[in-house]
Amino acid sequence: MRPPPPNAGYAVTESPQVGALLVDTSRKDRVGEFCGVAGPYWALRPVRGGTEWDAKPEHVRPANRIERLRAETARCNARSEGRIL
């Protein structure tokens, strides 16, 4: 079996909805929330808060079920600790 392409699910010209949880495969599968398009890049924000980063669309894929669950848990934990609103 061949692995799916890095952008599995998104055409490079098509951007996801703002707030969608995505995985940046060029940054060790870092999960981020889609913020918008910045030139040729997609702006992603860490789920627990922090500085946005730019990712090439061809290195981004939708988060799977377990990645979404981990991200939501991390967000809830950060909120309970007062790190994000």
PDB file of N, CA and C in Angstrom:
ATOM      1  N   MET A   1       0.817  -1.191   0.000  1.00  0.00           N
ATOM      2  CA  MET A   1       0.000   0.000   0.000  1.00  0.00           C
ATOM      3  C   MET A   1       0.858   1.250   0.000  1.00  0.00           C
ATOM      4  N   ARG A   2       0.450   2.208  -0.778  1.00  0.00           N
ATOM      5  CA  ARG A   2       1.166   3.474  -0.854  1.00  0.00           C
ATOM      6  C   ARG A   2       0.608   4.449   0.175  1.00  0.00           C
ATOM      7  N   PRO A   3       1.464   5.209   0.869  1.00  0.00           N
ATOM      8  CA  PRO A   3       0.949   6.183   1.842  1.00  0.00           C
ATOM      9  C   PRO A   3       0.211   7.303   1.120  1.00  0.00           C
ATOM     10  N   PRO A   4      -0.758   7.941   1.803  1.00  0.00           N
ATOM     11  CA  PRO A   4      -1.485   9.037   1.164  1.00  0.00           C
ATOM     12  C   PRO A   4      -0.564  10.219   0.921  1.00  0.00           C
ATOM     13  N   PRO A   5      -0.901  11.061  -0.057  1.00  0.00           N
ATOM     14  CA  PRO A   5      -0.075  12.249  -0.293  1.00  0.00           C
ATOM     15  C   PRO A   5      -0.099  13.147   0.918  1.00  0.00           C
ATOM     16  N   PRO A   6       0.928  14.008   1.094  1.00  0.00           N
ATOM     17  CA  PRO A   6       1.009  14.855   2.279  1.00  0.00           C
ATOM     18  C   PRO A   6      -0.228  15.716   2.522  1.00  0.00           C
ATOM     19  N   ASN A   7      -0.905  16.167   1.466  1.00  0.00           N
ATOM     20  CA  ASN A   7      -2.057  17.036   1.659  1.00  0.00           C
ATOM     21  C   ASN A   7      -3.366  16.265   1.690  1.00  0.00           C
ATOM     22  N   ALA A   8      -3.336  14.976   1.938  1.00  0.00           N
ATOM     23  CA  ALA A   8      -4.483  14.082   1.917  1.00  0.00           C
ATOM     24  C   ALA A   8      -5.806  14.759   2.273  1.00  0.00           C
ATOM     25  N   GLY A   9      -6.560  15.107   1.310  1.00  0.00           N
ATOM     26  CA  GLY A   9      -7.872  15.666   1.559  1.00  0.00           C
ATOM     27  C   GLY A   9      -8.050  17.095   1.083  1.00  0.00           C
ATOM     28  N   TYR A  10      -7.001  17.825   0.850  1.00  0.00           N
ATOM     29  CA  TYR A  10      -7.120  19.206   0.391  1.00  0.00           C
ATOM     30  C   TYR A  10      -6.333  19.381  -0.897  1.00  0.00           C
ATOM     31  N   ALA A  11      -6.991  19.979  -1.881  1.00  0.00           N
ATOM     32  CA  ALA A  11      -6.258  20.411  -3.063  1.00  0.00           C
ATOM     33  C   ALA A  11      -5.476  21.646  -2.631  1.00  0.00           C
ATOM     34  N   VAL A  12      -4.301  21.839  -3.179  1.00  0.00           N
ATOM     35  CA  VAL A  12      -3.449  22.947  -2.759  1.00  0.00           C
ATOM     36  C   VAL A  12      -4.149  24.294  -2.960  1.00  0.00           C
ATOM     37  N   THR A  13      -5.023  24.403  -3.942  1.00  0.00           N
ATOM     38  CA  THR A  13      -5.715  25.672  -4.201  1.00  0.00           C
ATOM     39  C   THR A  13      -6.920  25.869  -3.291  1.00  0.00           C
ATOM     40  N   GLU A  14      -7.329  24.849  -2.597  1.00  0.00           N
ATOM     41  CA  GLU A  14      -8.516  24.893  -1.747  1.00  0.00           C
ATOM     42  C   GLU A  14      -8.094  24.987  -0.286  1.00  0.00           C
ATOM     43  N   SER A  15      -8.606  25.969   0.438  1.00  0.00           N
ATOM     44  CA  SER A  15      -8.239  26.091   1.847  1.00  0.00           C
ATOM     45  C   SER A  15      -9.392  25.597   2.716  1.00  0.00           C
ATOM     46  N   PRO A  16      -9.071  25.072   3.892  1.00  0.00           N
ATOM     47  CA  PRO A  16     -10.102  24.564   4.805  1.00  0.00           C
ATOM     48  C   PRO A  16     -10.827  25.709   5.505  1.00  0.00           C
ATOM     49  N   GLN A  17     -11.831  25.361   6.279  1.00  0.00           N
ATOM     50  CA  GLN A  17     -12.560  26.366   7.056  1.00  0.00           C
ATOM     51  C   GLN A  17     -11.693  26.878   8.193  1.00  0.00           C
ATOM     52  N   VAL A  18     -11.860  28.147   8.520  1.00  0.00           N
ATOM     53  CA  VAL A  18     -11.150  28.724   9.658  1.00  0.00           C
ATOM     54  C   VAL A  18     -11.545  27.936  10.906  1.00  0.00           C
ATOM     55  N   GLY A  19     -10.551  27.561  11.701  1.00  0.00           N
ATOM     56  CA  GLY A  19     -10.793  26.788  12.912  1.00  0.00           C
ATOM     57  C   GLY A  19     -10.588  25.292  12.745  1.00  0.00           C
ATOM     58  N   ALA A  20     -10.438  24.820  11.491  1.00  0.00           N
ATOM     59  CA  ALA A  20     -10.217  23.392  11.259  1.00  0.00           C
ATOM     60  C   ALA A  20      -8.884  22.970  11.873  1.00  0.00           C
ATOM     61  N   LEU A  21      -8.858  21.782  12.439  1.00  0.00           N
ATOM     62  CA  LEU A  21      -7.626  21.251  13.015  1.00  0.00           C
ATOM     63  C   LEU A  21      -6.851  20.514  11.928  1.00  0.00           C
ATOM     64  N   LEU A  22      -5.606  20.924  11.740  1.00  0.00           N
ATOM     65  CA  LEU A  22      -4.757  20.382  10.688  1.00  0.00           C
ATOM     66  C   LEU A  22      -3.427  19.925  11.271  1.00  0.00           C
ATOM     67  N   VAL A  23      -2.756  19.065  10.541  1.00  0.00           N
ATOM     68  CA  VAL A  23      -1.448  18.548  10.950  1.00  0.00           C
ATOM     69  C   VAL A  23      -0.408  19.015   9.941  1.00  0.00           C
ATOM     70  N   ASP A  24       0.637  19.650  10.437  1.00  0.00           N
ATOM     71  CA  ASP A  24       1.748  20.097   9.597  1.00  0.00           C
ATOM     72  C   ASP A  24       2.801  19.000   9.610  1.00  0.00           C
ATOM     73  N   THR A  25       2.886  18.260   8.511  1.00  0.00           N
ATOM     74  CA  THR A  25       3.811  17.123   8.452  1.00  0.00           C
ATOM     75  C   THR A  25       5.267  17.557   8.350  1.00  0.00           C
ATOM     76  N   SER A  26       5.516  18.818   8.015  1.00  0.00           N
ATOM     77  CA  SER A  26       6.899  19.299   7.942  1.00  0.00           C
ATOM     78  C   SER A  26       7.429  19.708   9.317  1.00  0.00           C
ATOM     79  N   ARG A  27       6.568  19.715  10.322  1.00  0.00           N
ATOM     80  CA  ARG A  27       6.969  20.079  11.690  1.00  0.00           C
ATOM     81  C   ARG A  27       6.640  18.962  12.676  1.00  0.00           C
ATOM     82  N   LYS A  28       7.062  17.776  12.329  1.00  0.00           N
ATOM     83  CA  LYS A  28       6.882  16.607  13.202  1.00  0.00           C
ATOM     84  C   LYS A  28       5.421  16.384  13.570  1.00  0.00           C
ATOM     85  N   ASP A  29       4.528  16.497  12.593  1.00  0.00           N
ATOM     86  CA  ASP A  29       3.092  16.269  12.768  1.00  0.00           C
ATOM     87  C   ASP A  29       2.480  17.173  13.834  1.00  0.00           C
ATOM     88  N   ARG A  30       2.892  18.414  13.844  1.00  0.00           N
ATOM     89  CA  ARG A  30       2.358  19.402  14.792  1.00  0.00           C
ATOM     90  C   ARG A  30       0.923  19.756  14.402  1.00  0.00           C
ATOM     91  N   VAL A  31       0.029  19.726  15.374  1.00  0.00           N
ATOM     92  CA  VAL A  31      -1.382  20.033  15.139  1.00  0.00           C
ATOM     93  C   VAL A  31      -1.612  21.513  15.369  1.00  0.00           C
ATOM     94  N   GLY A  32      -2.346  22.123  14.458  1.00  0.00           N
ATOM     95  CA  GLY A  32      -2.664  23.535  14.572  1.00  0.00           C
ATOM     96  C   GLY A  32      -4.056  23.832  14.068  1.00  0.00           C
ATOM     97  N   GLU A  33      -4.545  24.979  14.433  1.00  0.00           N
ATOM     98  CA  GLU A  33      -5.862  25.440  14.020  1.00  0.00           C
ATOM     99  C   GLU A  33      -5.677  26.379  12.824  1.00  0.00           C
ATOM    100  N   PHE A  34      -6.413  26.143  11.757  1.00  0.00           N
ATOM    101  CA  PHE A  34      -6.291  26.958  10.549  1.00  0.00           C
ATOM    102  C   PHE A  34      -6.813  28.354  10.822  1.00  0.00           C
ATOM    103  N   CYS A  35      -5.992  29.377  10.496  1.00  0.00           N
ATOM    104  CA  CYS A  35      -6.360  30.782  10.720  1.00  0.00           C
ATOM    105  C   CYS A  35      -6.644  31.525   9.430  1.00  0.00           C
ATOM    106  N   GLY A  36      -6.044  31.111   8.343  1.00  0.00           N
ATOM    107  CA  GLY A  36      -6.246  31.793   7.082  1.00  0.00           C
ATOM    108  C   GLY A  36      -5.070  31.594   6.148  1.00  0.00           C
ATOM    109  N   VAL A  37      -5.142  32.289   5.032  1.00  0.00           N
ATOM    110  CA  VAL A  37      -4.111  32.184   4.002  1.00  0.00           C
ATOM    111  C   VAL A  37      -3.201  33.400   4.092  1.00  0.00           C
ATOM    112  N   ALA A  38      -1.904  33.154   4.054  1.00  0.00           N
ATOM    113  CA  ALA A  38      -0.911  34.227   4.090  1.00  0.00           C
ATOM    114  C   ALA A  38       0.003  34.051   2.878  1.00  0.00           C
ATOM    115  N   GLY A  39      -0.373  34.659   1.755  1.00  0.00           N
ATOM    116  CA  GLY A  39       0.380  34.479   0.522  1.00  0.00           C
ATOM    117  C   GLY A  39       0.268  33.042   0.064  1.00  0.00           C
ATOM    118  N   PRO A  40       1.390  32.364  -0.200  1.00  0.00           N
ATOM    119  CA  PRO A  40       1.339  30.969  -0.633  1.00  0.00           C
ATOM    120  C   PRO A  40       1.232  29.985   0.537  1.00  0.00           C
ATOM    121  N   TYR A  41       1.178  30.491   1.750  1.00  0.00           N
ATOM    122  CA  TYR A  41       1.174  29.635   2.944  1.00  0.00           C
ATOM    123  C   TYR A  41      -0.174  29.659   3.651  1.00  0.00           C
ATOM    124  N   TRP A  42      -0.376  28.660   4.493  1.00  0.00           N
ATOM    125  CA  TRP A  42      -1.535  28.629   5.388  1.00  0.00           C
ATOM    126  C   TRP A  42      -1.047  28.977   6.782  1.00  0.00           C
ATOM    127  N   ALA A  43      -1.745  29.860   7.453  1.00  0.00           N
ATOM    128  CA  ALA A  43      -1.397  30.247   8.820  1.00  0.00           C
ATOM    129  C   ALA A  43      -2.077  29.287   9.789  1.00  0.00           C
ATOM    130  N   LEU A  44      -1.276  28.676  10.652  1.00  0.00           N
ATOM    131  CA  LEU A  44      -1.778  27.753  11.670  1.00  0.00           C
ATOM    132  C   LEU A  44      -1.408  28.285  13.042  1.00  0.00           C
ATOM    133  N   ARG A  45      -2.271  28.044  14.013  1.00  0.00           N
ATOM    134  CA  ARG A  45      -2.018  28.498  15.383  1.00  0.00           C
ATOM    135  C   ARG A  45      -2.014  27.272  16.298  1.00  0.00           C
ATOM    136  N   PRO A  46      -1.093  27.222  17.253  1.00  0.00           N
ATOM    137  CA  PRO A  46      -1.095  26.102  18.194  1.00  0.00           C
ATOM    138  C   PRO A  46      -2.424  26.035  18.945  1.00  0.00           C
ATOM    139  N   VAL A  47      -2.895  24.853  19.181  1.00  0.00           N
ATOM    140  CA  VAL A  47      -4.181  24.655  19.846  1.00  0.00           C
ATOM    141  C   VAL A  47      -4.158  25.192  21.269  1.00  0.00           C
ATOM    142  N   ARG A  48      -3.025  25.110  21.942  1.00  0.00           N
ATOM    143  CA  ARG A  48      -2.913  25.578  23.331  1.00  0.00           C
ATOM    144  C   ARG A  48      -2.611  27.066  23.419  1.00  0.00           C
ATOM    145  N   GLY A  49      -2.598  27.760  22.284  1.00  0.00           N
ATOM    146  CA  GLY A  49      -2.256  29.171  22.262  1.00  0.00           C
ATOM    147  C   GLY A  49      -0.794  29.334  21.904  1.00  0.00           C
ATOM    148  N   GLY A  50      -0.447  30.515  21.499  1.00  0.00           N
ATOM    149  CA  GLY A  50       0.934  30.778  21.135  1.00  0.00           C
ATOM    150  C   GLY A  50       1.034  31.433  19.778  1.00  0.00           C
ATOM    151  N   THR A  51       2.235  31.480  19.267  1.00  0.00           N
ATOM    152  CA  THR A  51       2.528  32.160  18.016  1.00  0.00           C
ATOM    153  C   THR A  51       2.136  31.316  16.818  1.00  0.00           C
ATOM    154  N   GLU A  52       1.474  31.957  15.860  1.00  0.00           N
ATOM    155  CA  GLU A  52       1.110  31.285  14.617  1.00  0.00           C
ATOM    156  C   GLU A  52       2.364  30.943  13.823  1.00  0.00           C
ATOM    157  N   TRP A  53       2.232  29.970  12.941  1.00  0.00           N
ATOM    158  CA  TRP A  53       3.312  29.656  12.018  1.00  0.00           C
ATOM    159  C   TRP A  53       2.714  29.452  10.632  1.00  0.00           C
ATOM    160  N   ASP A  54       3.553  29.596   9.624  1.00  0.00           N
ATOM    161  CA  ASP A  54       3.136  29.407   8.243  1.00  0.00           C
ATOM    162  C   ASP A  54       3.538  28.016   7.788  1.00  0.00           C
ATOM    163  N   ALA A  55       2.632  27.373   7.060  1.00  0.00           N
ATOM    164  CA  ALA A  55       2.890  26.034   6.543  1.00  0.00           C
ATOM    165  C   ALA A  55       2.551  25.991   5.061  1.00  0.00           C
ATOM    166  N   LYS A  56       3.325  25.251   4.320  1.00  0.00           N
ATOM    167  CA  LYS A  56       3.017  25.047   2.908  1.00  0.00           C
ATOM    168  C   LYS A  56       1.814  24.110   2.832  1.00  0.00           C
ATOM    169  N   PRO A  57       0.820  24.444   2.020  1.00  0.00           N
ATOM    170  CA  PRO A  57      -0.386  23.604   1.926  1.00  0.00           C
ATOM    171  C   PRO A  57      -0.098  22.149   1.584  1.00  0.00           C
ATOM    172  N   GLU A  58       0.955  21.887   0.801  1.00  0.00           N
ATOM    173  CA  GLU A  58       1.248  20.502   0.431  1.00  0.00           C
ATOM    174  C   GLU A  58       1.805  19.686   1.598  1.00  0.00           C
ATOM    175  N   HIS A  59       2.144  20.339   2.713  1.00  0.00           N
ATOM    176  CA  HIS A  59       2.641  19.643   3.899  1.00  0.00           C
ATOM    177  C   HIS A  59       1.578  19.555   4.995  1.00  0.00           C
ATOM    178  N   VAL A  60       0.358  19.925   4.663  1.00  0.00           N
ATOM    179  CA  VAL A  60      -0.709  19.954   5.663  1.00  0.00           C
ATOM    180  C   VAL A  60      -1.773  18.928   5.300  1.00  0.00           C
ATOM    181  N   ARG A  61      -2.275  18.259   6.332  1.00  0.00           N
ATOM    182  CA  ARG A  61      -3.367  17.304   6.146  1.00  0.00           C
ATOM    183  C   ARG A  61      -4.370  17.482   7.277  1.00  0.00           C
ATOM    184  N   PRO A  62      -5.609  17.027   7.075  1.00  0.00           N
ATOM    185  CA  PRO A  62      -6.594  17.111   8.160  1.00  0.00           C
ATOM    186  C   PRO A  62      -6.166  16.232   9.340  1.00  0.00           C
ATOM    187  N   ALA A  63      -6.460  16.678  10.539  1.00  0.00           N
ATOM    188  CA  ALA A  63      -6.167  15.872  11.733  1.00  0.00           C
ATOM    189  C   ALA A  63      -7.121  14.678  11.770  1.00  0.00           C
ATOM    190  N   ASN A  64      -6.585  13.529  12.160  1.00  0.00           N
ATOM    191  CA  ASN A  64      -7.465  12.369  12.299  1.00  0.00           C
ATOM    192  C   ASN A  64      -8.180  12.430  13.649  1.00  0.00           C
ATOM    193  N   ARG A  65      -8.996  11.455  13.925  1.00  0.00           N
ATOM    194  CA  ARG A  65      -9.830  11.474  15.126  1.00  0.00           C
ATOM    195  C   ARG A  65      -9.014  11.571  16.419  1.00  0.00           C
ATOM    196  N   ILE A  66      -7.974  10.775  16.549  1.00  0.00           N
ATOM    197  CA  ILE A  66      -7.173  10.778  17.771  1.00  0.00           C
ATOM    198  C   ILE A  66      -6.393  12.084  17.911  1.00  0.00           C
ATOM    199  N   GLU A  67      -5.908  12.634  16.805  1.00  0.00           N
ATOM    200  CA  GLU A  67      -5.195  13.916  16.855  1.00  0.00           C
ATOM    201  C   GLU A  67      -6.133  15.051  17.267  1.00  0.00           C
ATOM    202  N   ARG A  68      -7.370  15.006  16.777  1.00  0.00           N
ATOM    203  CA  ARG A  68      -8.351  16.026  17.193  1.00  0.00           C
ATOM    204  C   ARG A  68      -8.670  15.903  18.680  1.00  0.00           C
ATOM    205  N   LEU A  69      -8.834  14.671  19.162  1.00  0.00           N
ATOM    206  CA  LEU A  69      -9.132  14.451  20.576  1.00  0.00           C
ATOM    207  C   LEU A  69      -7.985  14.944  21.456  1.00  0.00           C
ATOM    208  N   ARG A  70      -6.754  14.652  21.077  1.00  0.00           N
ATOM    209  CA  ARG A  70      -5.595  15.120  21.847  1.00  0.00           C
ATOM    210  C   ARG A  70      -5.526  16.647  21.858  1.00  0.00           C
ATOM    211  N   ALA A  71      -5.786  17.259  20.714  1.00  0.00           N
ATOM    212  CA  ALA A  71      -5.736  18.716  20.619  1.00  0.00           C
ATOM    213  C   ALA A  71      -6.818  19.360  21.480  1.00  0.00           C
ATOM    214  N   GLU A  72      -8.026  18.823  21.444  1.00  0.00           N
ATOM    215  CA  GLU A  72      -9.115  19.374  22.258  1.00  0.00           C
ATOM    216  C   GLU A  72      -8.819  19.202  23.751  1.00  0.00           C
ATOM    217  N   THR A  73      -8.231  18.082  24.127  1.00  0.00           N
ATOM    218  CA  THR A  73      -7.861  17.856  25.525  1.00  0.00           C
ATOM    219  C   THR A  73      -6.784  18.845  25.955  1.00  0.00           C
ATOM    220  N   ALA A  74      -5.794  19.072  25.086  1.00  0.00           N
ATOM    221  CA  ALA A  74      -4.732  20.039  25.392  1.00  0.00           C
ATOM    222  C   ALA A  74      -5.313  21.436  25.547  1.00  0.00           C
ATOM    223  N   ARG A  75      -6.276  21.802  24.693  1.00  0.00           N
ATOM    224  CA  ARG A  75      -6.915  23.114  24.774  1.00  0.00           C
ATOM    225  C   ARG A  75      -7.678  23.261  26.100  1.00  0.00           C
ATOM    226  N   CYS A  76      -8.416  22.243  26.480  1.00  0.00           N
ATOM    227  CA  CYS A  76      -9.161  22.274  27.750  1.00  0.00           C
ATOM    228  C   CYS A  76      -8.217  22.385  28.941  1.00  0.00           C
ATOM    229  N   ASN A  77      -7.118  21.654  28.900  1.00  0.00           N
ATOM    230  CA  ASN A  77      -6.145  21.723  29.989  1.00  0.00           C
ATOM    231  C   ASN A  77      -5.521  23.111  30.079  1.00  0.00           C
ATOM    232  N   ALA A  78      -5.182  23.699  28.944  1.00  0.00           N
ATOM    233  CA  ALA A  78      -4.588  25.041  28.936  1.00  0.00           C
ATOM    234  C   ALA A  78      -5.586  26.064  29.484  1.00  0.00           C
ATOM    235  N   ARG A  79      -6.853  25.916  29.123  1.00  0.00           N
ATOM    236  CA  ARG A  79      -7.878  26.825  29.647  1.00  0.00           C
ATOM    237  C   ARG A  79      -8.012  26.701  31.159  1.00  0.00           C
ATOM    238  N   SER A  80      -8.020  25.468  31.643  1.00  0.00           N
ATOM    239  CA  SER A  80      -8.200  25.259  33.085  1.00  0.00           C
ATOM    240  C   SER A  80      -7.009  25.791  33.883  1.00  0.00           C
ATOM    241  N   GLU A  81      -5.843  25.872  33.245  1.00  0.00           N
ATOM    242  CA  GLU A  81      -4.648  26.401  33.899  1.00  0.00           C
ATOM    243  C   GLU A  81      -4.510  27.897  33.696  1.00  0.00           C
ATOM    244  N   GLY A  82      -5.452  28.510  32.976  1.00  0.00           N
ATOM    245  CA  GLY A  82      -5.435  29.947  32.751  1.00  0.00           C
ATOM    246  C   GLY A  82      -4.462  30.416  31.693  1.00  0.00           C
ATOM    247  N   ARG A  83      -3.969  29.498  30.854  1.00  0.00           N
ATOM    248  CA  ARG A  83      -3.008  29.894  29.827  1.00  0.00           C
ATOM    249  C   ARG A  83      -3.683  30.489  28.594  1.00  0.00           C
ATOM    250  N   ILE A  84      -4.927  30.092  28.328  1.00  0.00           N
ATOM    251  CA  ILE A  84      -5.693  30.677  27.224  1.00  0.00           C
ATOM    252  C   ILE A  84      -7.116  30.913  27.693  1.00  0.00           C
ATOM    253  N   LEU A  85      -7.800  31.845  27.042  1.00  0.00           N
ATOM    254  CA  LEU A  85      -9.186  32.151  27.404  1.00  0.00           C
ATOM    255  C   LEU A  85     -10.149  31.242  26.719  1.00  0.00           C
TER     256      LEU A  85
END
